[in-house]
Amino acid sequence: MGIVWALITAVCWGSIVLVSEKLGGDFHSQTFGMTLGALLFSIVAFFVVQPHITMTVFAIGAISGVFWVIGQRNQFASVDYLGVSKIVPLSTGMQLFGTTLFGVIVFHEWKTKTEIIIGIIAICAIVGGALLTSLRGKKGSEEDNQNLKKGITILLISTVGYVTYVVLIRWFEISGWEAILPQAVGMFIGALIMSFKHKPFNKYSVRNILTGLIWSTGNLTLLLALPLIGIATSFSLSQTGIIISTLGGIFILGEKRSKKEIIWVISGCVLIIVGGVMLGYTKS
């Protein structure tokens, strides 16, 4: 069941950047709108399930939510430099490396020799696929190179936020239902503080409540998957939704790619799928 939860996360999270770009707004209003949607979702979920939340759980969950804001707003910000079809694969590869490193070295989630071998091959396939989707068919201009450097720098900051957000919940063994409200509160406060001077209260933040609801659904299913199949497997599987954003950026948002680049993108997506399926077998 853990694999199913992780795949639901993949579909939800794989469509977030794509949907948000279609809804419009800058990364401040997009992030703030998402946190509004996440907060609404978590409040409803809390009263339906009524989980027991201690002060420790609330504090760790809120801190986790703040780190998520760092990850998400910087991912949105990098779109301005690289576009959806480039930043999502690169962001995915960075996150996979970070979460898998923690999952395997710190939490010892791959115990047998077979799990380690399959896991390493799977991660190589996913990261290789992510890099393949970001290749350029011809040498870029000086402006393109500068944008690439800025985009990657922002994505590195984003990755630190995303990885910390996931690892904190796993480290303190907080369940999905316990974490969902504290995380949303931390997300909302973090987004409000970071975006307040940019006046995020506008029609675009209202529109992006939808992306917050989509994200919350994926977040809950990921948190439910973590104790069942571990951080390395669950987070890696959840990132296979990259395919939705990558192809959507090209065919729905109309981001320009040459025929050669489209072939690379499709090949990279196939590698990601293969790697994701292999990761499903690393949990005994």
Protein backbone atom coordinates (compact mmCIF):
# COMPACT_ATOMS: atom_id res chain seq x y z
CA MET A 1 0.00 0.00 0.00
CA GLY A 2 2.95 2.29 0.65
CA ILE A 3 3.90 2.20 -3.04
CA VAL A 4 0.35 3.18 -4.02
CA TRP A 5 0.46 6.16 -1.62
CA ALA A 6 3.79 7.28 -3.10
CA LEU A 7 2.47 7.04 -6.67
CA ILE A 8 -0.56 9.18 -5.76
CA THR A 9 1.93 11.74 -4.48
CA ALA A 10 3.74 11.54 -7.82
CA VAL A 11 0.59 12.46 -9.76
CA CYS A 12 -0.32 15.31 -7.40
CA TRP A 13 3.13 16.84 -7.09
CA GLY A 14 3.98 16.25 -10.74
CA SER A 15 1.18 18.60 -11.78
CA ILE A 16 1.74 21.42 -9.25
CA VAL A 17 4.23 23.63 -11.12
CA LEU A 18 2.33 23.10 -14.35
CA VAL A 19 -1.04 24.03 -12.82
CA SER A 20 0.46 26.99 -10.96
CA GLU A 21 1.98 28.40 -14.14
CA LYS A 22 -1.38 28.13 -15.87
CA LEU A 23 -3.08 29.94 -12.95
CA GLY A 24 -0.57 32.78 -13.15
CA GLY A 25 1.10 35.13 -10.68
CA ASP A 26 4.68 35.56 -9.46
CA PHE A 27 6.38 33.06 -7.15
CA HIS A 28 5.37 35.07 -4.07
CA SER A 29 1.64 34.86 -4.75
CA GLN A 30 1.94 31.28 -6.05
CA THR A 31 3.64 30.12 -2.85
CA PHE A 32 1.29 32.07 -0.57
CA GLY A 33 -1.77 30.74 -2.42
CA MET A 34 -0.50 27.19 -2.07
CA THR A 35 -0.08 27.59 1.68
CA LEU A 36 -3.63 28.94 1.97
CA GLY A 37 -4.95 25.86 0.19
CA ALA A 38 -2.79 23.57 2.32
CA LEU A 39 -4.00 25.24 5.52
CA LEU A 40 -7.67 24.85 4.54
CA PHE A 41 -7.11 21.18 3.66
CA SER A 42 -5.31 20.46 6.92
CA ILE A 43 -7.97 22.11 9.08
CA VAL A 44 -10.71 19.98 7.51
CA ALA A 45 -8.55 16.83 7.78
CA PHE A 46 -7.78 17.58 11.44
CA PHE A 47 -11.44 17.79 12.47
CA VAL A 48 -12.30 14.66 10.48
CA VAL A 49 -9.50 12.46 11.88
CA GLN A 50 -8.81 14.34 15.14
CA PRO A 51 -5.23 13.06 15.65
CA HIS A 52 -3.44 13.55 18.97
CA ILE A 53 -0.88 16.33 18.55
CA THR A 54 1.73 16.98 21.24
CA MET A 55 3.74 20.20 21.55
CA THR A 56 6.79 18.40 20.17
CA VAL A 57 4.88 17.14 17.13
CA PHE A 58 3.43 20.59 16.51
CA ALA A 59 6.82 22.31 16.79
CA ILE A 60 8.67 19.84 14.53
CA GLY A 61 5.80 19.82 12.03
CA ALA A 62 5.74 23.62 11.89
CA ILE A 63 9.51 23.81 11.39
CA SER A 64 9.19 21.20 8.64
CA GLY A 65 6.56 23.40 6.99
CA VAL A 66 8.86 26.42 7.04
CA PHE A 67 11.57 24.44 5.27
CA TRP A 68 8.97 23.38 2.69
CA VAL A 69 8.27 27.06 1.96
CA ILE A 70 11.98 27.60 1.34
CA GLY A 71 11.93 24.68 -1.08
CA GLN A 72 8.74 25.57 -2.93
CA ARG A 73 9.16 29.33 -3.36
CA ASN A 74 12.70 28.87 -4.68
CA GLN A 75 11.49 26.20 -7.11
CA PHE A 76 8.85 28.63 -8.38
CA ALA A 77 11.49 31.38 -8.58
CA SER A 78 13.79 29.21 -10.72
CA VAL A 79 11.07 28.82 -13.37
CA ASP A 80 11.74 32.41 -14.46
CA TYR A 81 15.30 31.44 -15.39
CA LEU A 82 14.95 27.92 -16.79
CA GLY A 83 11.29 27.12 -17.49
CA VAL A 84 9.14 24.31 -16.12
CA SER A 85 10.47 21.55 -18.38
CA LYS A 86 14.06 22.20 -17.20
CA ILE A 87 13.76 23.06 -13.53
CA VAL A 88 11.50 20.16 -12.54
CA PRO A 89 13.90 17.41 -13.74
CA LEU A 90 16.92 19.15 -12.21
CA SER A 91 15.10 19.79 -8.95
CA THR A 92 13.98 16.16 -8.84
CA GLY A 93 17.52 14.84 -9.31
CA MET A 94 18.86 17.05 -6.51
CA GLN A 95 16.08 16.05 -4.12
CA LEU A 96 16.50 12.35 -4.88
CA PHE A 97 20.20 12.52 -4.14
CA GLY A 98 19.64 14.31 -0.83
CA THR A 99 16.76 12.21 0.49
CA THR A 100 18.31 8.92 -0.60
CA LEU A 101 21.59 9.88 1.08
CA PHE A 102 19.75 10.39 4.37
CA GLY A 103 17.51 7.37 3.92
CA VAL A 104 20.32 4.93 3.27
CA ILE A 105 23.18 6.30 5.39
CA VAL A 106 21.26 7.72 8.37
CA PHE A 107 18.13 5.53 8.50
CA HIS A 108 19.71 2.35 7.02
CA GLU A 109 16.68 1.66 4.83
CA TRP A 110 18.49 -0.58 2.35
CA LYS A 111 19.65 -3.53 4.44
CA THR A 112 20.46 -6.37 2.05
CA LYS A 113 23.06 -6.51 -0.69
CA THR A 114 20.32 -6.96 -3.31
CA GLU A 115 18.43 -3.87 -2.08
CA ILE A 116 21.60 -1.80 -2.23
CA ILE A 117 22.48 -2.92 -5.76
CA ILE A 118 18.96 -2.41 -7.13
CA GLY A 119 18.62 0.89 -5.26
CA ILE A 120 21.86 2.31 -6.62
CA ILE A 121 20.97 1.32 -10.19
CA ALA A 122 17.48 2.81 -9.74
CA ILE A 123 18.78 6.12 -8.39
CA CYS A 124 21.33 6.32 -11.22
CA ALA A 125 18.51 5.75 -13.73
CA ILE A 126 16.31 8.46 -12.19
CA VAL A 127 19.08 11.04 -11.83
CA GLY A 128 20.37 10.20 -15.32
CA GLY A 129 16.86 10.59 -16.70
CA ALA A 130 16.48 13.94 -14.94
CA LEU A 131 19.75 15.20 -16.43
CA LEU A 132 18.80 13.89 -19.86
CA THR A 133 15.55 15.90 -19.87
CA SER A 134 17.49 19.10 -19.17
CA LEU A 135 20.03 18.79 -22.00
CA ARG A 136 20.20 21.55 -24.63
CA GLY A 137 20.51 20.80 -28.32
CA LYS A 138 22.77 23.74 -29.09
CA LYS A 139 25.15 26.03 -27.27
CA GLY A 140 23.27 28.71 -25.41
CA SER A 141 23.96 32.46 -25.43
CA GLU A 142 25.76 34.24 -22.61
CA GLU A 143 22.36 35.19 -21.18
CA ASP A 144 21.24 31.54 -21.30
CA ASN A 145 24.39 30.48 -19.44
CA GLN A 146 23.83 33.14 -16.78
CA ASN A 147 20.21 32.06 -16.39
CA LEU A 148 21.36 28.46 -16.03
CA LYS A 149 23.79 29.39 -13.24
CA LYS A 150 21.18 31.48 -11.41
CA GLY A 151 18.54 28.79 -11.83
CA ILE A 152 20.77 26.02 -10.46
CA THR A 153 21.87 28.18 -7.51
CA ILE A 154 18.24 28.83 -6.59
CA LEU A 155 17.45 25.12 -7.00
CA LEU A 156 20.25 24.19 -4.58
CA ILE A 157 18.59 26.37 -1.93
CA SER A 158 15.25 24.81 -2.85
CA THR A 159 16.69 21.32 -2.43
CA VAL A 160 17.95 22.04 1.10
CA GLY A 161 14.43 23.13 2.04
CA TYR A 162 12.69 20.13 0.47
CA VAL A 163 15.07 17.52 1.87
CA THR A 164 14.94 18.97 5.40
CA TYR A 165 11.13 19.08 5.26
CA VAL A 166 10.96 15.33 4.57
CA VAL A 167 13.82 14.19 6.81
CA LEU A 168 12.55 16.02 9.92
CA ILE A 169 9.24 14.13 9.88
CA ARG A 170 11.01 10.80 9.35
CA TRP A 171 13.64 11.54 12.02
CA PHE A 172 11.05 12.21 14.72
CA GLU A 173 8.76 9.42 13.45
CA ILE A 174 5.71 11.68 13.14
CA SER A 175 2.73 10.13 11.36
CA GLY A 176 1.03 11.74 8.37
CA TRP A 177 -2.18 12.64 10.18
CA GLU A 178 -0.25 14.18 13.09
CA ALA A 179 2.00 16.23 10.83
CA ILE A 180 -0.46 17.64 8.33
CA LEU A 181 -1.88 20.54 10.42
CA PRO A 182 1.37 21.65 12.11
CA GLN A 183 3.13 21.58 8.74
CA ALA A 184 0.43 23.70 7.13
CA VAL A 185 0.62 26.25 9.95
CA GLY A 186 4.40 26.47 9.51
CA MET A 187 3.98 26.78 5.76
CA PHE A 188 1.44 29.59 6.06
CA ILE A 189 3.47 31.58 8.59
CA GLY A 190 6.68 31.04 6.63
CA ALA A 191 5.09 32.12 3.33
CA LEU A 192 3.47 35.14 4.97
CA ILE A 193 6.74 36.37 6.46
CA MET A 194 8.83 35.73 3.33
CA SER A 195 6.31 37.25 0.90
CA PHE A 196 4.61 40.00 2.94
CA LYS A 197 6.58 42.93 1.50
CA HIS A 198 5.77 41.70 -2.00
CA LYS A 199 2.01 42.02 -1.38
CA PRO A 200 0.98 38.41 -2.08
CA PHE A 201 -2.69 39.08 -1.33
CA ASN A 202 -4.14 39.17 -4.86
CA LYS A 203 -6.30 37.20 -7.30
CA TYR A 204 -3.39 34.92 -8.19
CA SER A 205 -2.91 33.80 -4.60
CA VAL A 206 -6.64 32.99 -4.47
CA ARG A 207 -6.35 30.97 -7.68
CA ASN A 208 -3.37 29.06 -6.32
CA ILE A 209 -5.40 27.77 -3.40
CA LEU A 210 -6.16 24.98 -5.88
CA THR A 211 -2.46 24.05 -6.10
CA GLY A 212 -2.38 24.00 -2.30
CA LEU A 213 -5.19 21.46 -2.22
CA ILE A 214 -3.41 19.35 -4.82
CA TRP A 215 -0.13 19.56 -2.91
CA SER A 216 -1.83 18.67 0.39
CA THR A 217 -3.28 15.52 -1.09
CA GLY A 218 0.18 14.49 -2.28
CA ASN A 219 1.79 15.49 1.00
CA LEU A 220 -0.61 13.37 3.03
CA THR A 221 -0.09 10.29 0.86
CA LEU A 222 3.71 10.75 1.09
CA LEU A 223 3.57 10.99 4.87
CA LEU A 224 1.44 7.84 4.94
CA ALA A 225 3.99 6.08 2.71
CA LEU A 226 7.09 7.01 4.76
CA PRO A 227 6.59 4.54 7.65
CA LEU A 228 5.55 1.76 5.26
CA ILE A 229 8.33 1.80 2.66
CA GLY A 230 10.88 4.28 4.03
CA ILE A 231 12.15 7.68 2.96
CA ALA A 232 14.45 6.55 0.13
CA THR A 233 11.82 4.48 -1.68
CA SER A 234 8.73 6.58 -0.98
CA PHE A 235 10.28 9.93 -1.87
CA SER A 236 11.96 8.54 -4.97
CA LEU A 237 8.70 7.04 -6.22
CA SER A 238 6.86 10.28 -5.48
CA GLN A 239 9.23 12.15 -7.78
CA THR A 240 8.31 10.13 -10.87
CA GLY A 241 5.57 12.74 -11.36
CA ILE A 242 8.35 14.76 -13.00
CA ILE A 243 7.06 13.34 -16.28
CA ILE A 244 3.82 15.31 -15.99
CA SER A 245 5.56 18.65 -15.44
CA THR A 246 8.31 18.07 -17.99
CA LEU A 247 6.07 17.07 -20.88
CA GLY A 248 3.38 19.53 -19.79
CA GLY A 249 5.87 22.39 -19.91
CA ILE A 250 6.66 21.57 -23.52
CA PHE A 251 3.26 20.58 -24.93
CA ILE A 252 0.88 22.63 -22.74
CA LEU A 253 2.87 25.73 -21.78
CA GLY A 254 4.58 25.77 -25.18
CA GLU A 255 8.19 25.97 -23.95
CA LYS A 256 10.46 25.77 -26.98
CA ARG A 257 12.46 22.57 -27.47
CA SER A 258 14.08 21.19 -30.62
CA LYS A 259 13.15 17.74 -31.93
CA LYS A 260 16.42 16.39 -30.55
CA GLU A 261 15.65 17.86 -27.12
CA ILE A 262 12.13 16.37 -27.14
CA ILE A 263 13.67 12.93 -27.83
CA TRP A 264 16.02 13.45 -24.89
CA VAL A 265 13.08 14.46 -22.69
CA ILE A 266 11.05 11.37 -23.59
CA SER A 267 14.10 9.12 -23.12
CA GLY A 268 14.76 10.72 -19.76
CA CYS A 269 11.15 10.18 -18.70
CA VAL A 270 11.43 6.48 -19.59
CA LEU A 271 14.57 6.18 -17.45
CA ILE A 272 12.75 7.84 -14.55
CA ILE A 273 9.84 5.42 -14.81
CA VAL A 274 12.20 2.44 -14.89
CA GLY A 275 14.09 3.75 -11.88
CA GLY A 276 10.87 4.38 -9.98
CA VAL A 277 9.63 0.84 -10.59
CA MET A 278 12.98 -0.61 -9.48
CA LEU A 279 12.85 1.37 -6.26
CA GLY A 280 9.60 -0.39 -5.44
CA TYR A 281 11.61 -3.59 -5.05
CA THR A 282 14.21 -2.21 -2.65
CA LYS A 283 11.93 -2.50 0.38
CA SER A 284 11.80 -6.04 1.68
